[in-house]
PDB file of all heavy atoms in Angstrom:
ATOM      1  N   LEU A   1     139.344  99.799 106.670  1.00  0.00           N
ATOM      2  CA  LEU A   1     139.789 100.290 107.940  1.00  0.00           C
ATOM      3  C   LEU A   1     138.992 101.461 108.419  1.00  0.00           C
ATOM      4  O   LEU A   1     138.533 101.550 109.549  1.00  0.00           O
ATOM      5  CB  LEU A   1     141.271 100.713 107.855  1.00  0.00           C
ATOM      6  CG  LEU A   1     141.846 101.450 109.110  1.00  0.00           C
ATOM      7  CD1 LEU A   1     141.740 100.571 110.351  1.00  0.00           C
ATOM      8  CD2 LEU A   1     143.231 101.921 108.826  1.00  0.00           C
ATOM      9  N   ASN A   2     138.681 102.423 107.524  1.00  0.00           N
ATOM     10  CA  ASN A   2     137.976 103.601 107.870  1.00  0.00           C
ATOM     11  C   ASN A   2     136.495 103.170 108.278  1.00  0.00           C
ATOM     12  O   ASN A   2     136.000 103.671 109.336  1.00  0.00           O
ATOM     13  CB  ASN A   2     137.827 104.517 106.661  1.00  0.00           C
ATOM     14  CG  ASN A   2     137.148 105.839 107.022  1.00  0.00           C
ATOM     15  OD1 ASN A   2     137.450 106.405 108.095  1.00  0.00           O
ATOM     16  ND2 ASN A   2     136.294 106.282 106.140  1.00  0.00           N
ATOM     17  N   ARG A   3     135.928 102.218 107.634  1.00  0.00           N
ATOM     18  CA  ARG A   3     134.583 101.744 108.014  1.00  0.00           C
ATOM     19  C   ARG A   3     134.606 101.074 109.357  1.00  0.00           C
ATOM     20  O   ARG A   3     133.765 101.361 110.219  1.00  0.00           O
ATOM     21  CB  ARG A   3     134.102 100.673 106.999  1.00  0.00           C
ATOM     22  CG  ARG A   3     132.670 100.242 107.228  1.00  0.00           C
ATOM     23  CD  ARG A   3     132.249  99.099 106.274  1.00  0.00           C
ATOM     24  NE  ARG A   3     133.141  98.044 106.211  1.00  0.00           N
ATOM     25  CZ  ARG A   3     133.349  97.041 107.099  1.00  0.00           C
ATOM     26  NH1 ARG A   3     132.645  97.076 108.205  1.00  0.00           N
ATOM     27  NH2 ARG A   3     134.187  96.057 106.872  1.00  0.00           N
ATOM     28  N   LEU A   4     135.632 100.265 109.669  1.00  0.00           N
ATOM     29  CA  LEU A   4     135.780  99.676 110.963  1.00  0.00           C
ATOM     30  C   LEU A   4     135.950 100.749 112.043  1.00  0.00           C
ATOM     31  O   LEU A   4     135.302 100.563 113.204  1.00  0.00           O
ATOM     32  CB  LEU A   4     136.990  98.692 111.020  1.00  0.00           C
ATOM     33  CG  LEU A   4     136.788  97.364 110.383  1.00  0.00           C
ATOM     34  CD1 LEU A   4     138.105  96.622 110.377  1.00  0.00           C
ATOM     35  CD2 LEU A   4     135.793  96.542 111.141  1.00  0.00           C
ATOM     36  N   LEU A   5     136.738 101.749 111.774  1.00  0.00           N
ATOM     37  CA  LEU A   5     136.945 102.760 112.818  1.00  0.00           C
ATOM     38  C   LEU A   5     135.771 103.656 113.024  1.00  0.00           C
ATOM     39  O   LEU A   5     135.510 104.168 114.155  1.00  0.00           O
ATOM     40  CB  LEU A   5     138.232 103.597 112.406  1.00  0.00           C
ATOM     41  CG  LEU A   5     139.501 102.866 112.425  1.00  0.00           C
ATOM     42  CD1 LEU A   5     140.619 103.760 111.863  1.00  0.00           C
ATOM     43  CD2 LEU A   5     139.876 102.361 113.763  1.00  0.00           C
ATOM     44  N   GLN A   6     134.880 103.776 111.992  1.00  0.00           N
ATOM     45  CA  GLN A   6     133.693 104.624 112.101  1.00  0.00           C
ATOM     46  C   GLN A   6     132.529 103.879 112.687  1.00  0.00           C
ATOM     47  O   GLN A   6     131.611 104.549 113.223  1.00  0.00           O
ATOM     48  CB  GLN A   6     133.364 105.173 110.730  1.00  0.00           C
ATOM     49  CG  GLN A   6     134.416 106.054 110.111  1.00  0.00           C
ATOM     50  CD  GLN A   6     134.695 107.358 110.847  1.00  0.00           C
ATOM     51  OE1 GLN A   6     133.757 107.913 111.495  1.00  0.00           O
ATOM     52  NE2 GLN A   6     135.880 107.832 110.842  1.00  0.00           N
ATOM     53  N   THR A   7     132.507 102.588 112.638  1.00  0.00           N
ATOM     54  CA  THR A   7     131.292 101.810 113.052  1.00  0.00           C
ATOM     55  C   THR A   7     131.416 101.634 114.587  1.00  0.00           C
ATOM     56  O   THR A   7     132.340 101.021 115.155  1.00  0.00           O
ATOM     57  CB  THR A   7     131.277 100.423 112.411  1.00  0.00           C
ATOM     58  OG1 THR A   7     131.347 100.578 111.021  1.00  0.00           O
ATOM     59  CG2 THR A   7     130.103  99.624 112.860  1.00  0.00           C
ATOM     60  N   PRO A   8     130.382 102.200 115.322  1.00  0.00           N
ATOM     61  CA  PRO A   8     130.452 102.175 116.795  1.00  0.00           C
ATOM     62  C   PRO A   8     130.442 100.736 117.429  1.00  0.00           C
ATOM     63  O   PRO A   8     131.024 100.527 118.436  1.00  0.00           O
ATOM     64  CB  PRO A   8     129.175 102.942 117.301  1.00  0.00           C
ATOM     65  CG  PRO A   8     128.573 103.495 116.006  1.00  0.00           C
ATOM     66  CD  PRO A   8     129.250 102.858 114.837  1.00  0.00           C
ATOM     67  N   THR A   9     129.772  99.796 116.721  1.00  0.00           N
ATOM     68  CA  THR A   9     129.621  98.483 117.321  1.00  0.00           C
ATOM     69  C   THR A   9     130.707  97.479 116.872  1.00  0.00           C
ATOM     70  O   THR A   9     130.781  96.408 117.368  1.00  0.00           O
ATOM     71  CB  THR A   9     128.247  97.933 117.017  1.00  0.00           C
ATOM     72  OG1 THR A   9     128.089  97.895 115.564  1.00  0.00           O
ATOM     73  CG2 THR A   9     127.136  98.704 117.630  1.00  0.00           C
ATOM     74  N   ALA A  10     131.521  97.866 115.893  1.00  0.00           N
ATOM     75  CA  ALA A  10     132.542  96.984 115.337  1.00  0.00           C
ATOM     76  C   ALA A  10     133.706  96.837 116.287  1.00  0.00           C
ATOM     77  O   ALA A  10     134.037  97.746 117.016  1.00  0.00           O
ATOM     78  CB  ALA A  10     133.076  97.510 114.009  1.00  0.00           C
ATOM     79  N   GLU A  11     134.286  95.638 116.389  1.00  0.00           N
ATOM     80  CA  GLU A  11     135.505  95.444 117.123  1.00  0.00           C
ATOM     81  C   GLU A  11     136.613  96.249 116.526  1.00  0.00           C
ATOM     82  O   GLU A  11     136.905  96.136 115.306  1.00  0.00           O
ATOM     83  CB  GLU A  11     135.902  93.969 117.180  1.00  0.00           C
ATOM     84  CG  GLU A  11     137.083  93.662 118.035  1.00  0.00           C
ATOM     85  CD  GLU A  11     137.384  92.192 118.082  1.00  0.00           C
ATOM     86  OE1 GLU A  11     136.575  91.365 117.698  1.00  0.00           O
ATOM     87  OE2 GLU A  11     138.520  91.868 118.581  1.00  0.00           O
ATOM     88  N   LYS A  12     137.275  97.086 117.288  1.00  0.00           N
ATOM     89  CA  LYS A  12     138.284  98.012 116.747  1.00  0.00           C
ATOM     90  C   LYS A  12     139.645  97.273 116.689  1.00  0.00           C
ATOM     91  O   LYS A  12     140.087  96.639 117.632  1.00  0.00           O
ATOM     92  CB  LYS A  12     138.446  99.221 117.651  1.00  0.00           C
ATOM     93  CG  LYS A  12     137.157 100.009 117.857  1.00  0.00           C
ATOM     94  CD  LYS A  12     136.643 100.660 116.612  1.00  0.00           C
ATOM     95  CE  LYS A  12     135.483 101.532 116.858  1.00  0.00           C
ATOM     96  NZ  LYS A  12     134.329 101.203 116.140  1.00  0.00           N
ATOM     97  N   PRO A  13     140.311  97.332 115.544  1.00  0.00           N
ATOM     98  CA  PRO A  13     141.647  96.779 115.416  1.00  0.00           C
ATOM     99  C   PRO A  13     142.690  97.570 116.150  1.00  0.00           C
ATOM    100  O   PRO A  13     142.497  98.780 116.316  1.00  0.00           O
ATOM    101  CB  PRO A  13     141.875  96.811 113.917  1.00  0.00           C
ATOM    102  CG  PRO A  13     141.084  97.943 113.401  1.00  0.00           C
ATOM    103  CD  PRO A  13     139.905  97.983 114.278  1.00  0.00           C
ATOM    104  N   LEU A  14     143.718  96.997 116.593  1.00  0.00           N
ATOM    105  CA  LEU A  14     144.853  97.695 117.189  1.00  0.00           C
ATOM    106  C   LEU A  14     145.719  98.214 116.050  1.00  0.00           C
ATOM    107  O   LEU A  14     146.198  97.433 115.264  1.00  0.00           O
ATOM    108  CB  LEU A  14     145.637  96.754 118.107  1.00  0.00           C
ATOM    109  CG  LEU A  14     146.933  97.368 118.657  1.00  0.00           C
ATOM    110  CD1 LEU A  14     146.658  98.575 119.541  1.00  0.00           C
ATOM    111  CD2 LEU A  14     147.674  96.293 119.453  1.00  0.00           C
ATOM    112  N   VAL A  15     145.853  99.545 115.990  1.00  0.00           N
ATOM    113  CA  VAL A  15     146.660 100.125 114.974  1.00  0.00           C
ATOM    114  C   VAL A  15     147.968 100.701 115.595  1.00  0.00           C
ATOM    115  O   VAL A  15     147.888 101.442 116.557  1.00  0.00           O
ATOM    116  CB  VAL A  15     145.931 101.286 114.269  1.00  0.00           C
ATOM    117  CG1 VAL A  15     146.804 101.955 113.241  1.00  0.00           C
ATOM    118  CG2 VAL A  15     144.613 100.814 113.702  1.00  0.00           C
ATOM    119  N   LEU A  16     149.086 100.165 115.145  1.00  0.00           N
ATOM    120  CA  LEU A  16     150.404 100.589 115.689  1.00  0.00           C
ATOM    121  C   LEU A  16     151.158 101.444 114.657  1.00  0.00           C
ATOM    122  O   LEU A  16     151.152 101.083 113.475  1.00  0.00           O
ATOM    123  CB  LEU A  16     151.240  99.347 115.992  1.00  0.00           C
ATOM    124  CG  LEU A  16     150.662  98.409 117.052  1.00  0.00           C
ATOM    125  CD1 LEU A  16     151.581  97.159 117.169  1.00  0.00           C
ATOM    126  CD2 LEU A  16     150.527  99.096 118.395  1.00  0.00           C
ATOM    127  N   GLN A  17     151.731 102.518 115.097  1.00  0.00           N
ATOM    128  CA  GLN A  17     152.578 103.314 114.212  1.00  0.00           C
ATOM    129  C   GLN A  17     154.020 102.985 114.557  1.00  0.00           C
ATOM    130  O   GLN A  17     154.426 103.104 115.705  1.00  0.00           O
ATOM    131  CB  GLN A  17     152.326 104.792 114.441  1.00  0.00           C
ATOM    132  CG  GLN A  17     153.434 105.605 113.774  1.00  0.00           C
ATOM    133  CD  GLN A  17     152.888 106.705 112.875  1.00  0.00           C
ATOM    134  OE1 GLN A  17     151.680 106.899 112.788  1.00  0.00           O
ATOM    135  NE2 GLN A  17     153.767 107.407 112.216  1.00  0.00           N
ATOM    136  N   VAL A  18     154.772 102.581 113.622  1.00  0.00           N
ATOM    137  CA  VAL A  18     156.172 102.308 113.722  1.00  0.00           C
ATOM    138  C   VAL A  18     156.915 103.405 112.979  1.00  0.00           C
ATOM    139  O   VAL A  18     156.700 103.598 111.800  1.00  0.00           O
ATOM    140  CB  VAL A  18     156.569 100.904 113.200  1.00  0.00           C
ATOM    141  CG1 VAL A  18     158.041 100.633 113.284  1.00  0.00           C
ATOM    142  CG2 VAL A  18     155.758  99.834 113.848  1.00  0.00           C
ATOM    143  N   GLY A  19     157.823 104.070 113.675  1.00  0.00           N
ATOM    144  CA  GLY A  19     158.622 105.142 112.967  1.00  0.00           C
ATOM    145  C   GLY A  19     158.951 106.212 114.027  1.00  0.00           C
ATOM    146  O   GLY A  19     159.101 105.971 115.201  1.00  0.00           O
ATOM    147  N   SER A  20     159.107 107.373 113.488  1.00  0.00           N
ATOM    148  CA  SER A  20     159.553 108.525 114.311  1.00  0.00           C
ATOM    149  C   SER A  20     158.412 109.061 115.218  1.00  0.00           C
ATOM    150  O   SER A  20     157.274 109.174 114.830  1.00  0.00           O
ATOM    151  CB  SER A  20     159.984 109.630 113.354  1.00  0.00           C
ATOM    152  OG  SER A  20     160.065 110.880 114.046  1.00  0.00           O
ATOM    153  N   ARG A  21     158.783 109.356 116.469  1.00  0.00           N
ATOM    154  CA  ARG A  21     157.830 109.897 117.415  1.00  0.00           C
ATOM    155  C   ARG A  21     157.371 111.280 116.958  1.00  0.00           C
ATOM    156  O   ARG A  21     156.219 111.588 117.089  1.00  0.00           O
ATOM    157  CB  ARG A  21     158.462 109.990 118.836  1.00  0.00           C
ATOM    158  CG  ARG A  21     157.577 110.587 119.858  1.00  0.00           C
ATOM    159  CD  ARG A  21     156.406 109.675 120.077  1.00  0.00           C
ATOM    160  NE  ARG A  21     155.499 110.206 121.123  1.00  0.00           N
ATOM    161  CZ  ARG A  21     154.570 109.524 121.746  1.00  0.00           C
ATOM    162  NH1 ARG A  21     154.491 108.232 121.464  1.00  0.00           N
ATOM    163  NH2 ARG A  21     153.802 110.013 122.618  1.00  0.00           N
ATOM    164  N   VAL A  22     158.279 111.996 116.322  1.00  0.00           N
ATOM    165  CA  VAL A  22     157.907 113.345 115.815  1.00  0.00           C
ATOM    166  C   VAL A  22     156.815 113.238 114.741  1.00  0.00           C
ATOM    167  O   VAL A  22     155.798 114.021 114.816  1.00  0.00           O
ATOM    168  CB  VAL A  22     159.138 114.053 115.199  1.00  0.00           C
ATOM    169  CG1 VAL A  22     158.767 115.335 114.502  1.00  0.00           C
ATOM    170  CG2 VAL A  22     160.179 114.325 116.309  1.00  0.00           C
ATOM    171  N   LEU A  23     156.882 112.280 113.846  1.00  0.00           N
ATOM    172  CA  LEU A  23     155.876 112.084 112.838  1.00  0.00           C
ATOM    173  C   LEU A  23     154.547 111.658 113.434  1.00  0.00           C
ATOM    174  O   LEU A  23     153.488 112.102 113.062  1.00  0.00           O
ATOM    175  CB  LEU A  23     156.373 111.071 111.807  1.00  0.00           C
ATOM    176  CG  LEU A  23     157.494 111.449 110.952  1.00  0.00           C
ATOM    177  CD1 LEU A  23     157.896 110.345 109.986  1.00  0.00           C
ATOM    178  CD2 LEU A  23     157.278 112.732 110.164  1.00  0.00           C
ATOM    179  N   PHE A  24     154.637 110.766 114.473  1.00  0.00           N
ATOM    180  CA  PHE A  24     153.419 110.337 115.133  1.00  0.00           C
ATOM    181  C   PHE A  24     152.696 111.566 115.844  1.00  0.00           C
ATOM    182  O   PHE A  24     151.510 111.697 115.729  1.00  0.00           O
ATOM    183  CB  PHE A  24     153.696 109.287 116.155  1.00  0.00           C
ATOM    184  CG  PHE A  24     152.578 108.791 116.974  1.00  0.00           C
ATOM    185  CD1 PHE A  24     151.694 107.890 116.399  1.00  0.00           C
ATOM    186  CD2 PHE A  24     152.270 109.286 118.250  1.00  0.00           C
ATOM    187  CE1 PHE A  24     150.570 107.410 117.075  1.00  0.00           C
ATOM    188  CE2 PHE A  24     151.193 108.811 118.928  1.00  0.00           C
ATOM    189  CZ  PHE A  24     150.368 107.904 118.376  1.00  0.00           C
ATOM    190  N   ASP A  25     153.534 112.431 116.433  1.00  0.00           N
ATOM    191  CA  ASP A  25     152.968 113.651 117.088  1.00  0.00           C
ATOM    192  C   ASP A  25     152.355 114.520 116.100  1.00  0.00           C
ATOM    193  O   ASP A  25     151.384 115.245 116.432  1.00  0.00           O
ATOM    194  CB  ASP A  25     154.029 114.273 117.930  1.00  0.00           C
ATOM    195  CG  ASP A  25     154.431 113.486 119.166  1.00  0.00           C
ATOM    196  OD1 ASP A  25     153.654 112.580 119.574  1.00  0.00           O
ATOM    197  OD2 ASP A  25     155.525 113.774 119.673  1.00  0.00           O
ATOM    198  N   GLN A  26     152.859 114.551 114.861  1.00  0.00           N
ATOM    199  CA  GLN A  26     152.364 115.477 113.835  1.00  0.00           C
ATOM    200  C   GLN A  26     151.046 115.056 113.285  1.00  0.00           C
ATOM    201  O   GLN A  26     150.116 115.795 113.074  1.00  0.00           O
ATOM    202  CB  GLN A  26     153.366 115.690 112.736  1.00  0.00           C
ATOM    203  CG  GLN A  26     154.576 116.469 113.114  1.00  0.00           C
ATOM    204  CD  GLN A  26     155.621 116.567 112.069  1.00  0.00           C
ATOM    205  OE1 GLN A  26     155.468 115.965 111.018  1.00  0.00           O
ATOM    206  NE2 GLN A  26     156.658 117.349 112.293  1.00  0.00           N
ATOM    207  N   ALA A  27     150.945 113.773 112.991  1.00  0.00           N
ATOM    208  CA  ALA A  27     149.710 113.183 112.361  1.00  0.00           C
ATOM    209  C   ALA A  27     149.753 111.666 112.493  1.00  0.00           C
ATOM    210  O   ALA A  27     150.739 111.007 112.348  1.00  0.00           O
ATOM    211  CB  ALA A  27     149.667 113.517 110.914  1.00  0.00           C
TER     212      ALA A  27
END
């Protein structure tokens, strides 16, 4: 995942966070 997110030409996956909005806002 890190490699995909760091590679400028790679197709980026959709990453969804499921859980508390507070936790999402923190990190």
